[in-house]
Amino acid sequence: MKLYCDMNIYNRCFDDQSQIRIRLETTAIEAIFDRVEAGQFSLHWSFILEYENLLNPYKERKDGVKLLRRICRDNIIIPSAKIRDLAEKVVDDF
């Protein structure tokens, strides 16, 4: 199974774990990452995630996400023509 996670998934483990909902979400996310490392899931990274992580003002979080990025199987570095066309359409429609 191929997975693509939003940046909030990568950052969840850095959130306040004293809230039970946050802790449960973190546990679930860690289980997914464990399955990725075991080869059961395939996690993918993109130029958008890279950009979002660069904007993170918290060095600890930014560095932690960089480490998590290593378990990603594929890295979409440059947007395809299809992605660029869709982005232009969204901007034009906005």
PDB file of N, CA and C in Angstrom:
ATOM      1  N   MET A   1       0.842  -1.174   0.000  1.00  0.00           N
ATOM      2  CA  MET A   1       0.000   0.000   0.000  1.00  0.00           C
ATOM      3  C   MET A   1       0.889   1.240   0.000  1.00  0.00           C
ATOM      4  N   LYS A   2       0.597   2.161  -0.894  1.00  0.00           N
ATOM      5  CA  LYS A   2       1.331   3.428  -0.965  1.00  0.00           C
ATOM      6  C   LYS A   2       0.649   4.459  -0.071  1.00  0.00           C
ATOM      7  N   LEU A   3       1.457   5.178   0.708  1.00  0.00           N
ATOM      8  CA  LEU A   3       0.935   6.203   1.605  1.00  0.00           C
ATOM      9  C   LEU A   3       1.613   7.539   1.341  1.00  0.00           C
ATOM     10  N   TYR A   4       0.831   8.586   1.438  1.00  0.00           N
ATOM     11  CA  TYR A   4       1.354   9.947   1.387  1.00  0.00           C
ATOM     12  C   TYR A   4       0.724  10.687   2.549  1.00  0.00           C
ATOM     13  N   CYS A   5       1.537  11.141   3.477  1.00  0.00           N
ATOM     14  CA  CYS A   5       1.037  11.803   4.686  1.00  0.00           C
ATOM     15  C   CYS A   5       1.252  13.309   4.612  1.00  0.00           C
ATOM     16  N   ASP A   6       0.304  14.039   5.182  1.00  0.00           N
ATOM     17  CA  ASP A   6       0.464  15.489   5.305  1.00  0.00           C
ATOM     18  C   ASP A   6       1.497  15.793   6.387  1.00  0.00           C
ATOM     19  N   MET A   7       1.991  17.007   6.385  1.00  0.00           N
ATOM     20  CA  MET A   7       3.021  17.413   7.333  1.00  0.00           C
ATOM     21  C   MET A   7       2.552  17.284   8.787  1.00  0.00           C
ATOM     22  N   ASN A   8       1.250  17.450   9.034  1.00  0.00           N
ATOM     23  CA  ASN A   8       0.770  17.334  10.416  1.00  0.00           C
ATOM     24  C   ASN A   8       1.020  15.936  10.976  1.00  0.00           C
ATOM     25  N   ILE A   9       1.048  14.925  10.139  1.00  0.00           N
ATOM     26  CA  ILE A   9       1.331  13.559  10.578  1.00  0.00           C
ATOM     27  C   ILE A   9       2.778  13.465  11.067  1.00  0.00           C
ATOM     28  N   TYR A  10       3.691  14.019  10.304  1.00  0.00           N
ATOM     29  CA  TYR A  10       5.103  13.973  10.676  1.00  0.00           C
ATOM     30  C   TYR A  10       5.388  14.766  11.961  1.00  0.00           C
ATOM     31  N   ASN A  11       4.602  15.789  12.208  1.00  0.00           N
ATOM     32  CA  ASN A  11       4.824  16.647  13.376  1.00  0.00           C
ATOM     33  C   ASN A  11       4.050  16.216  14.621  1.00  0.00           C
ATOM     34  N   ARG A  12       3.123  15.272  14.496  1.00  0.00           N
ATOM     35  CA  ARG A  12       2.252  14.914  15.623  1.00  0.00           C
ATOM     36  C   ARG A  12       3.039  14.455  16.860  1.00  0.00           C
ATOM     37  N   CYS A  13       4.108  13.736  16.673  1.00  0.00           N
ATOM     38  CA  CYS A  13       4.854  13.221  17.838  1.00  0.00           C
ATOM     39  C   CYS A  13       5.517  14.343  18.645  1.00  0.00           C
ATOM     40  N   PHE A  14       5.606  15.535  18.086  1.00  0.00           N
ATOM     41  CA  PHE A  14       6.189  16.674  18.795  1.00  0.00           C
ATOM     42  C   PHE A  14       5.149  17.496  19.558  1.00  0.00           C
ATOM     43  N   ASP A  15       3.874  17.155  19.367  1.00  0.00           N
ATOM     44  CA  ASP A  15       2.801  17.892  20.036  1.00  0.00           C
ATOM     45  C   ASP A  15       2.681  17.458  21.498  1.00  0.00           C
ATOM     46  N   ASP A  16       1.933  18.213  22.269  1.00  0.00           N
ATOM     47  CA  ASP A  16       1.728  17.954  23.696  1.00  0.00           C
ATOM     48  C   ASP A  16       1.046  16.600  23.886  1.00  0.00           C
ATOM     49  N   GLN A  17       1.783  15.637  24.403  1.00  0.00           N
ATOM     50  CA  GLN A  17       1.278  14.279  24.545  1.00  0.00           C
ATOM     51  C   GLN A  17       0.431  14.084  25.807  1.00  0.00           C
ATOM     52  N   SER A  18       0.220  15.133  26.584  1.00  0.00           N
ATOM     53  CA  SER A  18      -0.600  15.003  27.785  1.00  0.00           C
ATOM     54  C   SER A  18      -2.092  14.876  27.447  1.00  0.00           C
ATOM     55  N   GLN A  19      -2.481  15.279  26.249  1.00  0.00           N
ATOM     56  CA  GLN A  19      -3.866  15.122  25.811  1.00  0.00           C
ATOM     57  C   GLN A  19      -4.039  13.711  25.244  1.00  0.00           C
ATOM     58  N   ILE A  20      -5.037  12.987  25.715  1.00  0.00           N
ATOM     59  CA  ILE A  20      -5.211  11.589  25.320  1.00  0.00           C
ATOM     60  C   ILE A  20      -5.419  11.440  23.814  1.00  0.00           C
ATOM     61  N   ARG A  21      -6.168  12.352  23.202  1.00  0.00           N
ATOM     62  CA  ARG A  21      -6.404  12.266  21.757  1.00  0.00           C
ATOM     63  C   ARG A  21      -5.092  12.394  20.993  1.00  0.00           C
ATOM     64  N   ILE A  22      -4.255  13.330  21.410  1.00  0.00           N
ATOM     65  CA  ILE A  22      -2.959  13.533  20.747  1.00  0.00           C
ATOM     66  C   ILE A  22      -2.094  12.289  20.928  1.00  0.00           C
ATOM     67  N   ARG A  23      -2.082  11.731  22.139  1.00  0.00           N
ATOM     68  CA  ARG A  23      -1.271  10.540  22.406  1.00  0.00           C
ATOM     69  C   ARG A  23      -1.751   9.347  21.584  1.00  0.00           C
ATOM     70  N   LEU A  24      -3.073   9.169  21.462  1.00  0.00           N
ATOM     71  CA  LEU A  24      -3.609   8.063  20.659  1.00  0.00           C
ATOM     72  C   LEU A  24      -3.257   8.237  19.176  1.00  0.00           C
ATOM     73  N   GLU A  25      -3.381   9.455  18.691  1.00  0.00           N
ATOM     74  CA  GLU A  25      -3.007   9.721  17.298  1.00  0.00           C
ATOM     75  C   GLU A  25      -1.521   9.446  17.079  1.00  0.00           C
ATOM     76  N   THR A  26      -0.694   9.860  18.030  1.00  0.00           N
ATOM     77  CA  THR A  26       0.750   9.633  17.929  1.00  0.00           C
ATOM     78  C   THR A  26       1.053   8.140  17.895  1.00  0.00           C
ATOM     79  N   THR A  27       0.382   7.377  18.737  1.00  0.00           N
ATOM     80  CA  THR A  27       0.583   5.925  18.768  1.00  0.00           C
ATOM     81  C   THR A  27       0.203   5.302  17.427  1.00  0.00           C
ATOM     82  N   ALA A  28      -0.900   5.739  16.863  1.00  0.00           N
ATOM     83  CA  ALA A  28      -1.331   5.216  15.563  1.00  0.00           C
ATOM     84  C   ALA A  28      -0.329   5.568  14.463  1.00  0.00           C
ATOM     85  N   ILE A  29       0.153   6.789  14.485  1.00  0.00           N
ATOM     86  CA  ILE A  29       1.130   7.230  13.482  1.00  0.00           C
ATOM     87  C   ILE A  29       2.426   6.451  13.623  1.00  0.00           C
ATOM     88  N   GLU A  30       2.876   6.240  14.853  1.00  0.00           N
ATOM     89  CA  GLU A  30       4.094   5.458  15.073  1.00  0.00           C
ATOM     90  C   GLU A  30       3.923   4.036  14.562  1.00  0.00           C
ATOM     91  N   ALA A  31       2.729   3.461  14.722  1.00  0.00           N
ATOM     92  CA  ALA A  31       2.454   2.109  14.213  1.00  0.00           C
ATOM     93  C   ALA A  31       2.546   2.080  12.687  1.00  0.00           C
ATOM     94  N   ILE A  32       2.056   3.128  12.045  1.00  0.00           N
ATOM     95  CA  ILE A  32       2.156   3.220  10.582  1.00  0.00           C
ATOM     96  C   ILE A  32       3.618   3.306  10.167  1.00  0.00           C
ATOM     97  N   PHE A  33       4.386   4.154  10.839  1.00  0.00           N
ATOM     98  CA  PHE A  33       5.807   4.282  10.510  1.00  0.00           C
ATOM     99  C   PHE A  33       6.544   2.961  10.739  1.00  0.00           C
ATOM    100  N   ASP A  34       6.179   2.223  11.782  1.00  0.00           N
ATOM    101  CA  ASP A  34       6.779   0.907  12.023  1.00  0.00           C
ATOM    102  C   ASP A  34       6.509  -0.035  10.852  1.00  0.00           C
ATOM    103  N   ARG A  35       5.292   0.011  10.335  1.00  0.00           N
ATOM    104  CA  ARG A  35       4.939  -0.846   9.191  1.00  0.00           C
ATOM    105  C   ARG A  35       5.666  -0.417   7.928  1.00  0.00           C
ATOM    106  N   VAL A  36       5.900   0.875   7.793  1.00  0.00           N
ATOM    107  CA  VAL A  36       6.688   1.366   6.653  1.00  0.00           C
ATOM    108  C   VAL A  36       8.103   0.807   6.742  1.00  0.00           C
ATOM    109  N   GLU A  37       8.693   0.907   7.924  1.00  0.00           N
ATOM    110  CA  GLU A  37      10.057   0.406   8.107  1.00  0.00           C
ATOM    111  C   GLU A  37      10.146  -1.103   7.912  1.00  0.00           C
ATOM    112  N   ALA A  38       9.056  -1.822   8.216  1.00  0.00           N
ATOM    113  CA  ALA A  38       9.026  -3.269   8.043  1.00  0.00           C
ATOM    114  C   ALA A  38       8.735  -3.673   6.595  1.00  0.00           C
ATOM    115  N   GLY A  39       8.442  -2.671   5.747  1.00  0.00           N
ATOM    116  CA  GLY A  39       8.182  -2.955   4.336  1.00  0.00           C
ATOM    117  C   GLY A  39       6.738  -3.303   4.015  1.00  0.00           C
ATOM    118  N   GLN A  40       5.844  -3.171   4.977  1.00  0.00           N
ATOM    119  CA  GLN A  40       4.431  -3.470   4.737  1.00  0.00           C
ATOM    120  C   GLN A  40       3.715  -2.349   3.987  1.00  0.00           C
ATOM    121  N   PHE A  41       4.163  -1.121   4.199  1.00  0.00           N
ATOM    122  CA  PHE A  41       3.617   0.047   3.516  1.00  0.00           C
ATOM    123  C   PHE A  41       4.757   0.775   2.821  1.00  0.00           C
ATOM    124  N   SER A  42       4.416   1.542   1.813  1.00  0.00           N
ATOM    125  CA  SER A  42       5.385   2.351   1.085  1.00  0.00           C
ATOM    126  C   SER A  42       5.016   3.819   1.289  1.00  0.00           C
ATOM    127  N   LEU A  43       5.896   4.563   1.962  1.00  0.00           N
ATOM    128  CA  LEU A  43       5.638   5.967   2.255  1.00  0.00           C
ATOM    129  C   LEU A  43       6.347   6.839   1.233  1.00  0.00           C
ATOM    130  N   HIS A  44       5.688   7.915   0.808  1.00  0.00           N
ATOM    131  CA  HIS A  44       6.227   8.782  -0.241  1.00  0.00           C
ATOM    132  C   HIS A  44       6.346  10.220   0.251  1.00  0.00           C
ATOM    133  N   TRP A  45       7.367  10.897  -0.233  1.00  0.00           N
ATOM    134  CA  TRP A  45       7.717  12.268   0.140  1.00  0.00           C
ATOM    135  C   TRP A  45       7.585  13.142  -1.093  1.00  0.00           C
ATOM    136  N   SER A  46       7.429  14.451  -0.898  1.00  0.00           N
ATOM    137  CA  SER A  46       7.321  15.339  -2.058  1.00  0.00           C
ATOM    138  C   SER A  46       7.991  16.680  -1.810  1.00  0.00           C
ATOM    139  N   PHE A  47       8.123  17.416  -2.877  1.00  0.00           N
ATOM    140  CA  PHE A  47       8.688  18.762  -2.823  1.00  0.00           C
ATOM    141  C   PHE A  47       7.831  19.677  -1.950  1.00  0.00           C
ATOM    142  N   ILE A  48       6.544  19.422  -1.868  1.00  0.00           N
ATOM    143  CA  ILE A  48       5.657  20.236  -1.031  1.00  0.00           C
ATOM    144  C   ILE A  48       5.970  19.995   0.446  1.00  0.00           C
ATOM    145  N   LEU A  49       6.134  18.715   0.830  1.00  0.00           N
ATOM    146  CA  LEU A  49       6.496  18.410   2.206  1.00  0.00           C
ATOM    147  C   LEU A  49       7.852  19.015   2.560  1.00  0.00           C
ATOM    148  N   GLU A  50       8.774  18.940   1.621  1.00  0.00           N
ATOM    149  CA  GLU A  50      10.099  19.518   1.840  1.00  0.00           C
ATOM    150  C   GLU A  50       9.986  21.018   2.116  1.00  0.00           C
ATOM    151  N   TYR A  51       9.188  21.697   1.303  1.00  0.00           N
ATOM    152  CA  TYR A  51       8.989  23.139   1.462  1.00  0.00           C
ATOM    153  C   TYR A  51       8.324  23.456   2.803  1.00  0.00           C
ATOM    154  N   GLU A  52       7.265  22.698   3.143  1.00  0.00           N
ATOM    155  CA  GLU A  52       6.578  22.936   4.413  1.00  0.00           C
ATOM    156  C   GLU A  52       7.522  22.726   5.597  1.00  0.00           C
ATOM    157  N   ASN A  53       8.364  21.695   5.512  1.00  0.00           N
ATOM    158  CA  ASN A  53       9.286  21.445   6.612  1.00  0.00           C
ATOM    159  C   ASN A  53      10.338  22.553   6.722  1.00  0.00           C
ATOM    160  N   LEU A  54      10.775  23.085   5.594  1.00  0.00           N
ATOM    161  CA  LEU A  54      11.732  24.192   5.632  1.00  0.00           C
ATOM    162  C   LEU A  54      11.158  25.418   6.330  1.00  0.00           C
ATOM    163  N   LEU A  55       9.847  25.588   6.267  1.00  0.00           N
ATOM    164  CA  LEU A  55       9.190  26.737   6.900  1.00  0.00           C
ATOM    165  C   LEU A  55       8.980  26.556   8.399  1.00  0.00           C
ATOM    166  N   ASN A  56       9.203  25.361   8.902  1.00  0.00           N
ATOM    167  CA  ASN A  56       8.986  25.099  10.325  1.00  0.00           C
ATOM    168  C   ASN A  56       9.994  25.896  11.162  1.00  0.00           C
ATOM    169  N   PRO A  57       9.515  26.746  12.066  1.00  0.00           N
ATOM    170  CA  PRO A  57      10.431  27.578  12.855  1.00  0.00           C
ATOM    171  C   PRO A  57      11.111  26.819  14.008  1.00  0.00           C
ATOM    172  N   TYR A  58      10.672  25.591  14.282  1.00  0.00           N
ATOM    173  CA  TYR A  58      11.207  24.825  15.401  1.00  0.00           C
ATOM    174  C   TYR A  58      12.238  23.815  14.915  1.00  0.00           C
ATOM    175  N   LYS A  59      13.500  24.078  15.240  1.00  0.00           N
ATOM    176  CA  LYS A  59      14.603  23.251  14.751  1.00  0.00           C
ATOM    177  C   LYS A  59      14.437  21.779  15.120  1.00  0.00           C
ATOM    178  N   GLU A  60      14.030  21.498  16.355  1.00  0.00           N
ATOM    179  CA  GLU A  60      13.864  20.108  16.787  1.00  0.00           C
ATOM    180  C   GLU A  60      12.855  19.374  15.916  1.00  0.00           C
ATOM    181  N   ARG A  61      11.736  20.018  15.642  1.00  0.00           N
ATOM    182  CA  ARG A  61      10.709  19.407  14.777  1.00  0.00           C
ATOM    183  C   ARG A  61      11.236  19.232  13.361  1.00  0.00           C
ATOM    184  N   LYS A  62      11.854  20.283  12.854  1.00  0.00           N
ATOM    185  CA  LYS A  62      12.373  20.240  11.486  1.00  0.00           C
ATOM    186  C   LYS A  62      13.378  19.092  11.326  1.00  0.00           C
ATOM    187  N   ASP A  63      14.286  18.974  12.277  1.00  0.00           N
ATOM    188  CA  ASP A  63      15.294  17.910  12.217  1.00  0.00           C
ATOM    189  C   ASP A  63      14.659  16.527  12.387  1.00  0.00           C
ATOM    190  N   GLY A  64      13.651  16.435  13.254  1.00  0.00           N
ATOM    191  CA  GLY A  64      12.954  15.160  13.448  1.00  0.00           C
ATOM    192  C   GLY A  64      12.241  14.705  12.192  1.00  0.00           C
ATOM    193  N   VAL A  65      11.616  15.633  11.499  1.00  0.00           N
ATOM    194  CA  VAL A  65      10.922  15.304  10.250  1.00  0.00           C
ATOM    195  C   VAL A  65      11.938  14.893   9.187  1.00  0.00           C
ATOM    196  N   LYS A  66      13.087  15.536   9.165  1.00  0.00           N
ATOM    197  CA  LYS A  66      14.146  15.138   8.212  1.00  0.00           C
ATOM    198  C   LYS A  66      14.542  13.683   8.434  1.00  0.00           C
ATOM    199  N   LEU A  67      14.606  13.270   9.697  1.00  0.00           N
ATOM    200  CA  LEU A  67      14.932  11.871   9.994  1.00  0.00           C
ATOM    201  C   LEU A  67      13.823  10.934   9.516  1.00  0.00           C
ATOM    202  N   LEU A  68      12.579  11.329   9.735  1.00  0.00           N
ATOM    203  CA  LEU A  68      11.460  10.508   9.287  1.00  0.00           C
ATOM    204  C   LEU A  68      11.411  10.404   7.757  1.00  0.00           C
ATOM    205  N   ARG A  69      11.853  11.450   7.101  1.00  0.00           N
ATOM    206  CA  ARG A  69      11.865  11.469   5.630  1.00  0.00           C
ATOM    207  C   ARG A  69      12.685  10.312   5.071  1.00  0.00           C
ATOM    208  N   ARG A  70      13.661   9.859   5.822  1.00  0.00           N
ATOM    209  CA  ARG A  70      14.531   8.777   5.364  1.00  0.00           C
ATOM    210  C   ARG A  70      13.797   7.465   5.114  1.00  0.00           C
ATOM    211  N   ILE A  71      12.647   7.257   5.772  1.00  0.00           N
ATOM    212  CA  ILE A  71      11.931   5.999   5.577  1.00  0.00           C
ATOM    213  C   ILE A  71      11.033   6.025   4.345  1.00  0.00           C
ATOM    214  N   CYS A  72      10.961   7.183   3.694  1.00  0.00           N
ATOM    215  CA  CYS A  72      10.139   7.300   2.487  1.00  0.00           C
ATOM    216  C   CYS A  72      10.818   6.594   1.319  1.00  0.00           C
ATOM    217  N   ARG A  73      10.044   5.832   0.589  1.00  0.00           N
ATOM    218  CA  ARG A  73      10.563   5.064  -0.538  1.00  0.00           C
ATOM    219  C   ARG A  73      10.786   5.939  -1.771  1.00  0.00           C
ATOM    220  N   ASP A  74       9.893   6.866  -1.991  1.00  0.00           N
ATOM    221  CA  ASP A  74       9.948   7.678  -3.198  1.00  0.00           C
ATOM    222  C   ASP A  74       9.930   9.144  -2.808  1.00  0.00           C
ATOM    223  N   ASN A  75      10.630   9.967  -3.577  1.00  0.00           N
ATOM    224  CA  ASN A  75      10.679  11.401  -3.342  1.00  0.00           C
ATOM    225  C   ASN A  75      10.331  12.103  -4.649  1.00  0.00           C
ATOM    226  N   ILE A  76       9.196  12.754  -4.678  1.00  0.00           N
ATOM    227  CA  ILE A  76       8.774  13.502  -5.857  1.00  0.00           C
ATOM    228  C   ILE A  76       9.419  14.874  -5.752  1.00  0.00           C
ATOM    229  N   ILE A  77      10.489  15.077  -6.502  1.00  0.00           N
ATOM    230  CA  ILE A  77      11.296  16.288  -6.384  1.00  0.00           C
ATOM    231  C   ILE A  77      10.731  17.439  -7.213  1.00  0.00           C
ATOM    232  N   ILE A  78      10.247  17.125  -8.386  1.00  0.00           N
ATOM    233  CA  ILE A  78       9.760  18.151  -9.311  1.00  0.00           C
ATOM    234  C   ILE A  78       8.317  17.817  -9.679  1.00  0.00           C
ATOM    235  N   PRO A  79       7.439  18.813  -9.650  1.00  0.00           N
ATOM    236  CA  PRO A  79       6.054  18.533 -10.019  1.00  0.00           C
ATOM    237  C   PRO A  79       5.943  18.161 -11.496  1.00  0.00           C
ATOM    238  N   SER A  80       5.121  17.182 -11.775  1.00  0.00           N
ATOM    239  CA  SER A  80       4.884  16.782 -13.161  1.00  0.00           C
ATOM    240  C   SER A  80       4.042  17.856 -13.856  1.00  0.00           C
ATOM    241  N   ALA A  81       3.953  17.749 -15.154  1.00  0.00           N
ATOM    242  CA  ALA A  81       3.136  18.691 -15.922  1.00  0.00           C
ATOM    243  C   ALA A  81       1.683  18.616 -15.463  1.00  0.00           C
ATOM    244  N   LYS A  82       1.236  17.417 -15.140  1.00  0.00           N
ATOM    245  CA  LYS A  82      -0.146  17.238 -14.685  1.00  0.00           C
ATOM    246  C   LYS A  82      -0.379  17.985 -13.364  1.00  0.00           C
ATOM    247  N   ILE A  83       0.584  17.907 -12.453  1.00  0.00           N
ATOM    248  CA  ILE A  83       0.465  18.609 -11.172  1.00  0.00           C
ATOM    249  C   ILE A  83       0.497  20.118 -11.397  1.00  0.00           C
ATOM    250  N   ARG A  84       1.405  20.593 -12.255  1.00  0.00           N
ATOM    251  CA  ARG A  84       1.479  22.034 -12.537  1.00  0.00           C
ATOM    252  C   ARG A  84       0.182  22.537 -13.168  1.00  0.00           C
ATOM    253  N   ASP A  85      -0.376  21.769 -14.112  1.00  0.00           N
ATOM    254  CA  ASP A  85      -1.622  22.160 -14.766  1.00  0.00           C
ATOM    255  C   ASP A  85      -2.770  22.239 -13.759  1.00  0.00           C
ATOM    256  N   LEU A  86      -2.837  21.252 -12.874  1.00  0.00           N
ATOM    257  CA  LEU A  86      -3.885  21.250 -11.863  1.00  0.00           C
ATOM    258  C   LEU A  86      -3.720  22.437 -10.914  1.00  0.00           C
ATOM    259  N   ALA A  87      -2.493  22.724 -10.510  1.00  0.00           N
ATOM    260  CA  ALA A  87      -2.232  23.862  -9.621  1.00  0.00           C
ATOM    261  C   ALA A  87      -2.649  25.171 -10.291  1.00  0.00           C
ATOM    262  N   GLU A  88      -2.327  25.327 -11.561  1.00  0.00           N
ATOM    263  CA  GLU A  88      -2.716  26.541 -12.282  1.00  0.00           C
ATOM    264  C   GLU A  88      -4.227  26.664 -12.368  1.00  0.00           C
ATOM    265  N   LYS A  89      -4.906  25.544 -12.585  1.00  0.00           N
ATOM    266  CA  LYS A  89      -6.376  25.556 -12.648  1.00  0.00           C
ATOM    267  C   LYS A  89      -6.953  25.973 -11.293  1.00  0.00           C
ATOM    268  N   VAL A  90      -6.429  25.425 -10.220  1.00  0.00           N
ATOM    269  CA  VAL A  90      -6.920  25.772  -8.892  1.00  0.00           C
ATOM    270  C   VAL A  90      -6.718  27.266  -8.631  1.00  0.00           C
ATOM    271  N   VAL A  91      -5.561  27.788  -8.972  1.00  0.00           N
ATOM    272  CA  VAL A  91      -5.286  29.218  -8.766  1.00  0.00           C
ATOM    273  C   VAL A  91      -6.212  30.064  -9.623  1.00  0.00           C
ATOM    274  N   ASP A  92      -6.406  29.673 -10.878  1.00  0.00           N
ATOM    275  CA  ASP A  92      -7.285  30.424 -11.778  1.00  0.00           C
ATOM    276  C   ASP A  92      -8.733  30.418 -11.285  1.00  0.00           C
ATOM    277  N   ASP A  93      -9.193  29.267 -10.742  1.00  0.00           N
ATOM    278  CA  ASP A  93     -10.566  29.140 -10.266  1.00  0.00           C
ATOM    279  C   ASP A  93     -10.780  29.863  -8.941  1.00  0.00           C
ATOM    280  N   PHE A  94      -9.688  30.122  -8.239  1.00  0.00           N
ATOM    281  CA  PHE A  94      -9.779  30.752  -6.938  1.00  0.00           C
ATOM    282  C   PHE A  94     -10.044  32.212  -7.106  1.00  0.00           C
TER     283      PHE A  94
END
